[in-house]
Amino acid sequence: MASSFIEHKNYGFWASDGFVEAMQICLIDEIEATSFDSKSWIIQYKDELALQSIPLVYGGMSMSLDRFLINDERKKIVIDLIDKIIQKINSDETYLNNENLRRMRKNAMLILYKQGNTFQDESEIDEDVKNSRWRGNDSDGNQFKDRCINAFQLLKKLINEELKTDAGSPESYWDFKK
């Protein structure tokens, strides 16, 4: 599977596109579960994440951090969302199972469909979701869960400007101990 470089202010980390999509759809889901003004920048961010979550260019996925996280207030909002997601991953065994990941993926696709983007009809979305090859908790046990938590922790460090790795840095950030 291809990997994308998740970047913010010239630093970042490499992640497989599957983990990038998981981060995107989890954030979309959490944004929708939280009350935000419909004209807020976070709604635009959710829509951008939905567009980015459809892997049209393998190895070219983005979290659009530089475009949307332009001040401390916005960063705090996304960090709070990430903390909620990590809490759900730790407390709900079904949060990262194949069924829930497919539900979140379908939701992202429906956002695009309702905007007139990408899909011709809902049956095309259903077929795409049906063919999804998630390897969530259903098949990989806790390994997928631990790696998703690690990915979100890396994302938090990146947003908080604590992660100082670039595209050429060794990928030791994936060597984690629980």
N, C-alpha and C. Protein backbone atom coordinates (compact mmCIF):
# COMPACT_ATOMS: atom_id res chain seq x y z
N MET A 1 0.84 -1.17 0.00
CA MET A 1 0.00 0.00 0.00
C MET A 1 0.89 1.24 0.00
N ALA A 2 0.42 2.25 -0.67
CA ALA A 2 1.16 3.51 -0.76
C ALA A 2 1.14 4.25 0.57
N SER A 3 2.12 5.13 0.72
CA SER A 3 2.20 5.97 1.92
C SER A 3 2.17 7.43 1.51
N SER A 4 1.63 8.25 2.39
CA SER A 4 1.57 9.69 2.17
C SER A 4 2.30 10.38 3.31
N PHE A 5 2.87 11.55 3.00
CA PHE A 5 3.56 12.32 4.01
C PHE A 5 2.59 13.33 4.58
N ILE A 6 2.31 13.21 5.86
CA ILE A 6 1.39 14.11 6.55
C ILE A 6 2.22 15.27 7.08
N GLU A 7 1.95 16.46 6.58
CA GLU A 7 2.85 17.58 6.79
C GLU A 7 2.13 18.76 7.45
N HIS A 8 2.91 19.46 8.28
CA HIS A 8 2.47 20.71 8.88
C HIS A 8 3.70 21.54 9.19
N LYS A 9 3.77 22.71 8.61
CA LYS A 9 4.87 23.63 8.81
C LYS A 9 6.24 22.99 8.55
N ASN A 10 6.34 22.29 7.43
CA ASN A 10 7.58 21.68 6.94
C ASN A 10 8.04 20.44 7.71
N TYR A 11 7.27 19.99 8.67
CA TYR A 11 7.58 18.75 9.38
C TYR A 11 6.44 17.78 9.15
N GLY A 12 6.67 16.51 9.49
CA GLY A 12 5.61 15.56 9.31
C GLY A 12 6.05 14.13 9.52
N PHE A 13 5.20 13.22 9.07
CA PHE A 13 5.47 11.80 9.19
C PHE A 13 4.82 11.06 8.04
N TRP A 14 5.43 9.93 7.69
CA TRP A 14 4.89 9.05 6.66
C TRP A 14 3.88 8.11 7.30
N ALA A 15 2.77 7.89 6.61
CA ALA A 15 1.75 6.93 7.08
C ALA A 15 1.15 6.25 5.86
N SER A 16 0.84 4.97 6.02
CA SER A 16 0.18 4.28 4.92
C SER A 16 -1.15 4.97 4.64
N ASP A 17 -1.56 4.95 3.40
CA ASP A 17 -2.80 5.61 3.03
C ASP A 17 -3.99 5.07 3.82
N GLY A 18 -3.94 3.81 4.21
CA GLY A 18 -5.02 3.24 5.03
C GLY A 18 -5.14 3.93 6.37
N PHE A 19 -4.01 4.24 6.99
CA PHE A 19 -4.05 4.96 8.27
C PHE A 19 -4.47 6.41 8.05
N VAL A 20 -4.03 7.01 6.96
CA VAL A 20 -4.43 8.39 6.67
C VAL A 20 -5.94 8.44 6.49
N GLU A 21 -6.48 7.51 5.72
CA GLU A 21 -7.93 7.49 5.52
C GLU A 21 -8.65 7.25 6.84
N ALA A 22 -8.14 6.36 7.67
CA ALA A 22 -8.76 6.12 8.98
C ALA A 22 -8.78 7.39 9.81
N MET A 23 -7.66 8.14 9.81
CA MET A 23 -7.64 9.39 10.56
C MET A 23 -8.65 10.38 9.99
N GLN A 24 -8.73 10.46 8.68
CA GLN A 24 -9.64 11.41 8.04
C GLN A 24 -11.10 11.07 8.38
N ILE A 25 -11.48 9.81 8.20
CA ILE A 25 -12.89 9.47 8.42
C ILE A 25 -13.27 9.51 9.89
N CYS A 26 -12.33 9.22 10.77
CA CYS A 26 -12.61 9.36 12.21
C CYS A 26 -12.82 10.83 12.57
N LEU A 27 -11.99 11.71 12.02
CA LEU A 27 -12.17 13.15 12.27
C LEU A 27 -13.49 13.65 11.69
N ILE A 28 -13.85 13.21 10.49
CA ILE A 28 -15.12 13.59 9.89
C ILE A 28 -16.26 13.18 10.81
N ASP A 29 -16.21 11.94 11.29
CA ASP A 29 -17.25 11.41 12.16
C ASP A 29 -17.35 12.22 13.46
N GLU A 30 -16.22 12.57 14.03
CA GLU A 30 -16.22 13.32 15.29
C GLU A 30 -16.67 14.75 15.07
N ILE A 31 -16.33 15.35 13.95
CA ILE A 31 -16.81 16.70 13.64
C ILE A 31 -18.33 16.68 13.55
N GLU A 32 -18.87 15.66 12.89
CA GLU A 32 -20.32 15.55 12.75
C GLU A 32 -21.01 15.25 14.08
N ALA A 33 -20.32 14.62 15.00
CA ALA A 33 -20.90 14.30 16.31
C ALA A 33 -20.85 15.49 17.27
N THR A 34 -20.14 16.53 16.89
CA THR A 34 -19.97 17.72 17.73
C THR A 34 -20.74 18.87 17.11
N SER A 35 -21.33 19.71 17.94
CA SER A 35 -22.10 20.84 17.43
C SER A 35 -21.17 21.98 17.02
N PHE A 36 -21.19 22.27 15.74
CA PHE A 36 -20.44 23.40 15.19
C PHE A 36 -21.38 24.23 14.34
N ASP A 37 -21.14 25.51 14.29
CA ASP A 37 -21.89 26.40 13.42
C ASP A 37 -21.70 25.93 11.98
N SER A 38 -22.77 25.87 11.23
CA SER A 38 -22.70 25.35 9.86
C SER A 38 -21.81 26.19 8.94
N LYS A 39 -21.48 27.41 9.35
CA LYS A 39 -20.61 28.26 8.53
C LYS A 39 -19.18 28.28 9.05
N SER A 40 -18.91 27.48 10.03
CA SER A 40 -17.59 27.44 10.64
C SER A 40 -16.55 26.84 9.70
N TRP A 41 -15.31 27.23 9.90
CA TRP A 41 -14.19 26.68 9.13
C TRP A 41 -14.10 25.17 9.29
N ILE A 42 -14.53 24.64 10.44
CA ILE A 42 -14.40 23.20 10.70
C ILE A 42 -15.30 22.40 9.76
N ILE A 43 -16.40 22.98 9.33
CA ILE A 43 -17.28 22.30 8.37
C ILE A 43 -16.59 22.24 7.01
N GLN A 44 -15.91 23.32 6.64
CA GLN A 44 -15.12 23.31 5.41
C GLN A 44 -13.99 22.29 5.51
N TYR A 45 -13.38 22.20 6.69
CA TYR A 45 -12.32 21.23 6.92
C TYR A 45 -12.86 19.81 6.78
N LYS A 46 -14.03 19.56 7.35
CA LYS A 46 -14.66 18.24 7.23
C LYS A 46 -14.88 17.89 5.76
N ASP A 47 -15.37 18.84 4.99
CA ASP A 47 -15.61 18.60 3.56
C ASP A 47 -14.29 18.30 2.83
N GLU A 48 -13.23 19.03 3.19
CA GLU A 48 -11.92 18.78 2.58
C GLU A 48 -11.39 17.39 2.96
N LEU A 49 -11.57 17.02 4.22
CA LEU A 49 -11.15 15.67 4.64
C LEU A 49 -11.92 14.60 3.87
N ALA A 50 -13.20 14.83 3.63
CA ALA A 50 -14.00 13.88 2.86
C ALA A 50 -13.43 13.72 1.46
N LEU A 51 -13.09 14.84 0.84
CA LEU A 51 -12.51 14.78 -0.51
C LEU A 51 -11.16 14.08 -0.49
N GLN A 52 -10.34 14.38 0.50
CA GLN A 52 -9.01 13.76 0.61
C GLN A 52 -9.08 12.28 0.95
N SER A 53 -10.17 11.85 1.60
CA SER A 53 -10.27 10.45 2.05
C SER A 53 -10.53 9.48 0.91
N ILE A 54 -10.91 9.98 -0.23
CA ILE A 54 -11.12 9.13 -1.40
C ILE A 54 -9.77 9.03 -2.10
N PRO A 55 -9.12 7.87 -2.00
CA PRO A 55 -7.75 7.77 -2.52
C PRO A 55 -7.69 7.78 -4.05
N LEU A 56 -7.85 8.97 -4.62
CA LEU A 56 -7.77 9.10 -6.07
C LEU A 56 -6.32 9.07 -6.54
N VAL A 57 -5.42 9.53 -5.68
CA VAL A 57 -3.99 9.51 -5.99
C VAL A 57 -3.29 8.80 -4.83
N TYR A 58 -2.94 7.55 -5.04
CA TYR A 58 -2.28 6.79 -3.98
C TYR A 58 -0.93 7.43 -3.67
N GLY A 59 -0.65 7.57 -2.38
CA GLY A 59 0.58 8.21 -1.96
C GLY A 59 0.50 9.72 -1.98
N GLY A 60 -0.68 10.26 -2.21
CA GLY A 60 -0.84 11.71 -2.28
C GLY A 60 -1.96 12.23 -1.39
N MET A 61 -2.29 11.49 -0.33
CA MET A 61 -3.35 11.93 0.57
C MET A 61 -2.84 13.03 1.48
N SER A 62 -3.75 13.86 1.96
CA SER A 62 -3.37 15.00 2.80
C SER A 62 -4.36 15.17 3.93
N MET A 63 -3.88 15.74 5.02
CA MET A 63 -4.75 16.13 6.13
C MET A 63 -5.05 17.64 6.05
N SER A 64 -4.47 18.34 5.08
CA SER A 64 -4.72 19.77 4.84
C SER A 64 -4.50 20.63 6.08
N LEU A 65 -3.48 20.29 6.85
CA LEU A 65 -3.21 20.97 8.11
C LEU A 65 -2.79 22.42 7.91
N ASP A 66 -1.87 22.67 6.98
CA ASP A 66 -1.39 24.05 6.77
C ASP A 66 -2.50 24.96 6.27
N ARG A 67 -3.42 24.43 5.54
CA ARG A 67 -4.50 25.23 4.98
C ARG A 67 -5.54 25.61 6.03
N PHE A 68 -5.82 24.71 6.97
CA PHE A 68 -6.92 24.95 7.91
C PHE A 68 -6.48 25.27 9.34
N LEU A 69 -5.35 24.77 9.79
CA LEU A 69 -4.94 25.00 11.18
C LEU A 69 -4.01 26.21 11.24
N ILE A 70 -4.61 27.37 11.07
CA ILE A 70 -3.83 28.60 10.90
C ILE A 70 -3.68 29.40 12.18
N ASN A 71 -4.31 28.95 13.27
CA ASN A 71 -4.13 29.64 14.56
C ASN A 71 -4.31 28.65 15.70
N ASP A 72 -3.97 29.09 16.90
CA ASP A 72 -4.02 28.21 18.07
C ASP A 72 -5.42 27.74 18.40
N GLU A 73 -6.42 28.57 18.18
CA GLU A 73 -7.80 28.18 18.46
C GLU A 73 -8.22 26.99 17.59
N ARG A 74 -7.90 27.06 16.31
CA ARG A 74 -8.24 25.96 15.40
C ARG A 74 -7.47 24.69 15.77
N LYS A 75 -6.20 24.85 16.10
CA LYS A 75 -5.40 23.70 16.50
C LYS A 75 -6.00 23.04 17.73
N LYS A 76 -6.42 23.84 18.70
CA LYS A 76 -7.01 23.28 19.92
C LYS A 76 -8.28 22.49 19.62
N ILE A 77 -9.11 23.00 18.73
CA ILE A 77 -10.34 22.29 18.37
C ILE A 77 -10.02 20.92 17.79
N VAL A 78 -9.05 20.86 16.87
CA VAL A 78 -8.70 19.57 16.25
C VAL A 78 -8.03 18.65 17.27
N ILE A 79 -7.20 19.19 18.14
CA ILE A 79 -6.58 18.37 19.19
C ILE A 79 -7.66 17.78 20.10
N ASP A 80 -8.66 18.59 20.46
CA ASP A 80 -9.75 18.08 21.29
C ASP A 80 -10.51 16.96 20.58
N LEU A 81 -10.73 17.11 19.28
CA LEU A 81 -11.39 16.05 18.50
C LEU A 81 -10.54 14.78 18.50
N ILE A 82 -9.24 14.94 18.32
CA ILE A 82 -8.34 13.78 18.33
C ILE A 82 -8.37 13.09 19.68
N ASP A 83 -8.38 13.86 20.76
CA ASP A 83 -8.46 13.26 22.10
C ASP A 83 -9.74 12.45 22.27
N LYS A 84 -10.86 12.96 21.75
CA LYS A 84 -12.13 12.22 21.82
C LYS A 84 -12.03 10.92 21.02
N ILE A 85 -11.39 10.98 19.87
CA ILE A 85 -11.25 9.79 19.03
C ILE A 85 -10.39 8.75 19.75
N ILE A 86 -9.27 9.17 20.31
CA ILE A 86 -8.40 8.23 21.04
C ILE A 86 -9.16 7.60 22.20
N GLN A 87 -9.95 8.40 22.90
CA GLN A 87 -10.76 7.87 24.00
C GLN A 87 -11.74 6.80 23.48
N LYS A 88 -12.37 7.07 22.35
CA LYS A 88 -13.31 6.09 21.77
C LYS A 88 -12.58 4.82 21.35
N ILE A 89 -11.41 4.97 20.74
CA ILE A 89 -10.63 3.80 20.33
C ILE A 89 -10.32 2.94 21.55
N ASN A 90 -9.94 3.57 22.66
CA ASN A 90 -9.59 2.84 23.88
C ASN A 90 -10.78 2.24 24.61
N SER A 91 -11.95 2.86 24.50
CA SER A 91 -13.07 2.41 25.31
C SER A 91 -14.13 1.60 24.56
N ASP A 92 -14.15 1.67 23.24
CA ASP A 92 -15.19 1.01 22.45
C ASP A 92 -14.55 0.01 21.48
N GLU A 93 -14.70 -1.25 21.78
CA GLU A 93 -14.10 -2.30 20.94
C GLU A 93 -14.65 -2.32 19.52
N THR A 94 -15.83 -1.75 19.32
CA THR A 94 -16.42 -1.75 17.98
C THR A 94 -16.05 -0.51 17.16
N TYR A 95 -15.38 0.45 17.78
CA TYR A 95 -15.10 1.71 17.09
C TYR A 95 -14.26 1.50 15.83
N LEU A 96 -13.28 0.63 15.90
CA LEU A 96 -12.42 0.39 14.73
C LEU A 96 -12.70 -0.94 14.04
N ASN A 97 -13.88 -1.50 14.26
CA ASN A 97 -14.15 -2.73 13.53
C ASN A 97 -14.54 -2.42 12.09
N ASN A 98 -14.54 -3.44 11.26
CA ASN A 98 -14.79 -3.23 9.83
C ASN A 98 -16.13 -2.55 9.57
N GLU A 99 -17.16 -2.95 10.30
CA GLU A 99 -18.49 -2.39 10.09
C GLU A 99 -18.51 -0.88 10.36
N ASN A 100 -17.91 -0.45 11.45
CA ASN A 100 -17.91 0.98 11.78
C ASN A 100 -17.02 1.77 10.83
N LEU A 101 -15.88 1.21 10.45
CA LEU A 101 -15.01 1.90 9.49
C LEU A 101 -15.72 2.06 8.15
N ARG A 102 -16.45 1.04 7.73
CA ARG A 102 -17.22 1.15 6.49
C ARG A 102 -18.32 2.20 6.61
N ARG A 103 -18.97 2.26 7.77
CA ARG A 103 -20.00 3.27 8.01
C ARG A 103 -19.40 4.68 7.89
N MET A 104 -18.23 4.87 8.51
CA MET A 104 -17.59 6.19 8.44
C MET A 104 -17.14 6.51 7.02
N ARG A 105 -16.65 5.50 6.30
CA ARG A 105 -16.22 5.72 4.92
C ARG A 105 -17.42 6.11 4.05
N LYS A 106 -18.53 5.41 4.24
CA LYS A 106 -19.74 5.73 3.48
C LYS A 106 -20.19 7.15 3.79
N ASN A 107 -20.12 7.55 5.04
CA ASN A 107 -20.50 8.90 5.42
C ASN A 107 -19.65 9.94 4.68
N ALA A 108 -18.35 9.70 4.61
CA ALA A 108 -17.47 10.63 3.89
C ALA A 108 -17.86 10.71 2.41
N MET A 109 -18.18 9.58 1.83
CA MET A 109 -18.57 9.56 0.42
C MET A 109 -19.92 10.26 0.22
N LEU A 110 -20.83 10.09 1.17
CA LEU A 110 -22.13 10.76 1.06
C LEU A 110 -22.00 12.28 1.14
N ILE A 111 -21.04 12.76 1.92
CA ILE A 111 -20.78 14.20 1.99
C ILE A 111 -20.43 14.71 0.59
N LEU A 112 -19.55 13.98 -0.10
CA LEU A 112 -19.16 14.37 -1.45
C LEU A 112 -20.32 14.26 -2.43
N TYR A 113 -21.08 13.17 -2.32
CA TYR A 113 -22.23 12.95 -3.21
C TYR A 113 -23.24 14.09 -3.08
N LYS A 114 -23.53 14.49 -1.85
CA LYS A 114 -24.51 15.56 -1.62
C LYS A 114 -24.03 16.90 -2.16
N GLN A 115 -22.73 17.05 -2.31
CA GLN A 115 -22.17 18.27 -2.89
C GLN A 115 -22.05 18.18 -4.41
N GLY A 116 -22.42 17.03 -4.96
CA GLY A 116 -22.34 16.84 -6.40
C GLY A 116 -20.97 16.41 -6.89
N ASN A 117 -20.15 15.89 -5.99
CA ASN A 117 -18.79 15.48 -6.34
C ASN A 117 -18.65 13.97 -6.45
N THR A 118 -17.82 13.52 -7.33
CA THR A 118 -17.23 12.19 -7.39
C THR A 118 -18.17 11.05 -7.76
N PHE A 119 -19.33 10.93 -7.13
CA PHE A 119 -20.17 9.74 -7.32
C PHE A 119 -21.42 10.07 -8.12
N GLN A 120 -21.86 9.10 -8.93
CA GLN A 120 -23.05 9.31 -9.74
C GLN A 120 -24.32 9.07 -8.95
N ASP A 121 -24.30 8.04 -8.08
CA ASP A 121 -25.47 7.75 -7.27
C ASP A 121 -25.05 6.97 -6.02
N GLU A 122 -26.01 6.80 -5.11
CA GLU A 122 -25.71 6.14 -3.85
C GLU A 122 -25.36 4.66 -4.03
N SER A 123 -25.86 4.02 -5.08
CA SER A 123 -25.52 2.62 -5.29
C SER A 123 -24.03 2.46 -5.60
N GLU A 124 -23.44 3.45 -6.27
CA GLU A 124 -22.00 3.43 -6.53
C GLU A 124 -21.23 3.52 -5.21
N ILE A 125 -21.72 4.32 -4.30
CA ILE A 125 -21.10 4.45 -2.98
C ILE A 125 -21.20 3.12 -2.24
N ASP A 126 -22.40 2.53 -2.24
CA ASP A 126 -22.60 1.25 -1.55
C ASP A 126 -21.67 0.18 -2.07
N GLU A 127 -21.48 0.14 -3.38
CA GLU A 127 -20.59 -0.85 -3.99
C GLU A 127 -19.14 -0.61 -3.57
N ASP A 128 -18.73 0.64 -3.57
CA ASP A 128 -17.36 0.97 -3.17
C ASP A 128 -17.12 0.59 -1.71
N VAL A 129 -18.07 0.91 -0.85
CA VAL A 129 -17.94 0.59 0.58
C VAL A 129 -17.94 -0.92 0.77
N LYS A 130 -18.79 -1.62 0.04
CA LYS A 130 -18.85 -3.09 0.15
C LYS A 130 -17.51 -3.72 -0.21
N ASN A 131 -16.81 -3.12 -1.15
CA ASN A 131 -15.52 -3.65 -1.59
C ASN A 131 -14.33 -3.16 -0.77
N SER A 132 -14.60 -2.35 0.27
CA SER A 132 -13.53 -1.86 1.13
C SER A 132 -12.80 -3.02 1.78
N ARG A 133 -11.50 -2.89 1.89
CA ARG A 133 -10.69 -3.96 2.48
C ARG A 133 -10.07 -3.50 3.79
N TRP A 134 -10.89 -3.09 4.71
CA TRP A 134 -10.38 -2.68 6.00
C TRP A 134 -9.84 -3.88 6.75
N ARG A 135 -8.79 -3.67 7.47
CA ARG A 135 -8.27 -4.70 8.35
C ARG A 135 -8.25 -4.13 9.76
N GLY A 136 -9.42 -3.83 10.24
CA GLY A 136 -9.55 -3.24 11.56
C GLY A 136 -9.45 -4.29 12.65
N ASN A 137 -10.05 -3.99 13.77
CA ASN A 137 -10.00 -4.89 14.91
C ASN A 137 -10.50 -6.28 14.57
N ASP A 138 -11.37 -6.40 13.56
CA ASP A 138 -11.94 -7.69 13.22
C ASP A 138 -10.88 -8.72 12.83
N SER A 139 -9.80 -8.26 12.20
CA SER A 139 -8.82 -9.23 11.70
C SER A 139 -7.44 -9.11 12.34
N ASP A 140 -7.07 -7.92 12.78
CA ASP A 140 -5.72 -7.72 13.30
C ASP A 140 -5.67 -7.56 14.81
N GLY A 141 -6.78 -7.78 15.48
CA GLY A 141 -6.79 -7.65 16.92
C GLY A 141 -6.36 -6.26 17.36
N ASN A 142 -5.52 -6.21 18.36
CA ASN A 142 -5.12 -4.93 18.93
C ASN A 142 -4.04 -4.22 18.13
N GLN A 143 -3.38 -4.89 17.20
CA GLN A 143 -2.31 -4.23 16.45
C GLN A 143 -2.84 -3.02 15.68
N PHE A 144 -3.95 -3.16 14.99
CA PHE A 144 -4.53 -2.05 14.24
C PHE A 144 -4.93 -0.93 15.20
N LYS A 145 -5.54 -1.29 16.30
CA LYS A 145 -5.94 -0.31 17.32
C LYS A 145 -4.72 0.47 17.82
N ASP A 146 -3.66 -0.25 18.19
CA ASP A 146 -2.45 0.40 18.71
C ASP A 146 -1.82 1.32 17.67
N ARG A 147 -1.80 0.88 16.42
CA ARG A 147 -1.18 1.70 15.38
C ARG A 147 -2.05 2.92 15.06
N CYS A 148 -3.35 2.80 15.15
CA CYS A 148 -4.22 3.97 14.96
C CYS A 148 -4.02 4.98 16.08
N ILE A 149 -3.94 4.50 17.30
CA ILE A 149 -3.67 5.40 18.42
C ILE A 149 -2.34 6.10 18.19
N ASN A 150 -1.33 5.35 17.78
CA ASN A 150 -0.02 5.93 17.51
C ASN A 150 -0.12 6.99 16.41
N ALA A 151 -0.88 6.71 15.35
CA ALA A 151 -1.04 7.67 14.26
C ALA A 151 -1.68 8.96 14.77
N PHE A 152 -2.70 8.84 15.61
CA PHE A 152 -3.34 10.04 16.15
C PHE A 152 -2.42 10.78 17.11
N GLN A 153 -1.61 10.05 17.87
CA GLN A 153 -0.65 10.72 18.75
C GLN A 153 0.41 11.46 17.94
N LEU A 154 0.85 10.86 16.83
CA LEU A 154 1.78 11.55 15.93
C LEU A 154 1.14 12.81 15.36
N LEU A 155 -0.12 12.70 14.97
CA LEU A 155 -0.83 13.85 14.42
C LEU A 155 -0.93 14.97 15.46
N LYS A 156 -1.23 14.62 16.71
CA LYS A 156 -1.27 15.62 17.78
C LYS A 156 0.09 16.29 17.95
N LYS A 157 1.15 15.50 17.99
CA LYS A 157 2.50 16.06 18.14
C LYS A 157 2.83 16.99 16.98
N LEU A 158 2.43 16.60 15.78
CA LEU A 158 2.69 17.42 14.61
C LEU A 158 1.94 18.75 14.71
N ILE A 159 0.68 18.70 15.06
CA ILE A 159 -0.12 19.92 15.20
C ILE A 159 0.43 20.82 16.29
N ASN A 160 0.89 20.21 17.38
CA ASN A 160 1.46 20.97 18.50
C ASN A 160 2.91 21.40 18.25
N GLU A 161 3.41 21.08 17.07
CA GLU A 161 4.78 21.42 16.65
C GLU A 161 5.84 20.77 17.54
N GLU A 162 5.53 19.58 18.04
CA GLU A 162 6.46 18.80 18.86
C GLU A 162 7.18 17.74 18.04
N LEU A 163 6.68 17.42 16.87
CA LEU A 163 7.28 16.42 15.99
C LEU A 163 8.15 17.15 14.98
N LYS A 164 9.42 16.86 14.98
CA LYS A 164 10.37 17.60 14.13
C LYS A 164 11.03 16.67 13.10
N THR A 165 10.25 15.78 12.52
CA THR A 165 10.77 14.91 11.47
C THR A 165 10.30 15.44 10.11
N ASP A 166 11.11 15.17 9.08
CA ASP A 166 10.72 15.58 7.74
C ASP A 166 10.64 14.36 6.84
N ALA A 167 10.41 14.59 5.57
CA ALA A 167 10.20 13.47 4.63
C ALA A 167 11.39 12.54 4.54
N GLY A 168 12.60 13.02 4.84
CA GLY A 168 13.80 12.20 4.77
C GLY A 168 14.21 11.57 6.08
N SER A 169 13.50 11.86 7.15
CA SER A 169 13.85 11.31 8.47
C SER A 169 13.55 9.82 8.52
N PRO A 170 14.34 9.07 9.33
CA PRO A 170 14.01 7.65 9.53
C PRO A 170 12.60 7.52 10.12
N GLU A 171 11.90 6.49 9.73
CA GLU A 171 10.52 6.31 10.19
C GLU A 171 10.47 5.59 11.54
N SER A 172 11.30 5.99 12.46
CA SER A 172 11.33 5.36 13.78
C SER A 172 10.11 5.73 14.62
N TYR A 173 9.34 6.72 14.19
CA TYR A 173 8.14 7.11 14.93
C TYR A 173 7.07 6.02 14.91
N TRP A 174 7.21 5.04 14.02
CA TRP A 174 6.27 3.91 14.03
C TRP A 174 6.73 2.79 14.95
N ASP A 175 7.96 2.89 15.48
CA ASP A 175 8.47 1.91 16.43
C ASP A 175 8.04 2.36 17.82
N PHE A 176 6.89 1.93 18.22
CA PHE A 176 6.33 2.41 19.48
C PHE A 176 6.11 1.25 20.43
N LYS A 177 6.09 1.59 21.67
CA LYS A 177 5.76 0.63 22.73
C LYS A 177 4.50 1.12 23.39
N LYS A 178 3.60 0.22 23.62
CA LYS A 178 2.35 0.60 24.27
C LYS A 178 2.58 0.77 25.75
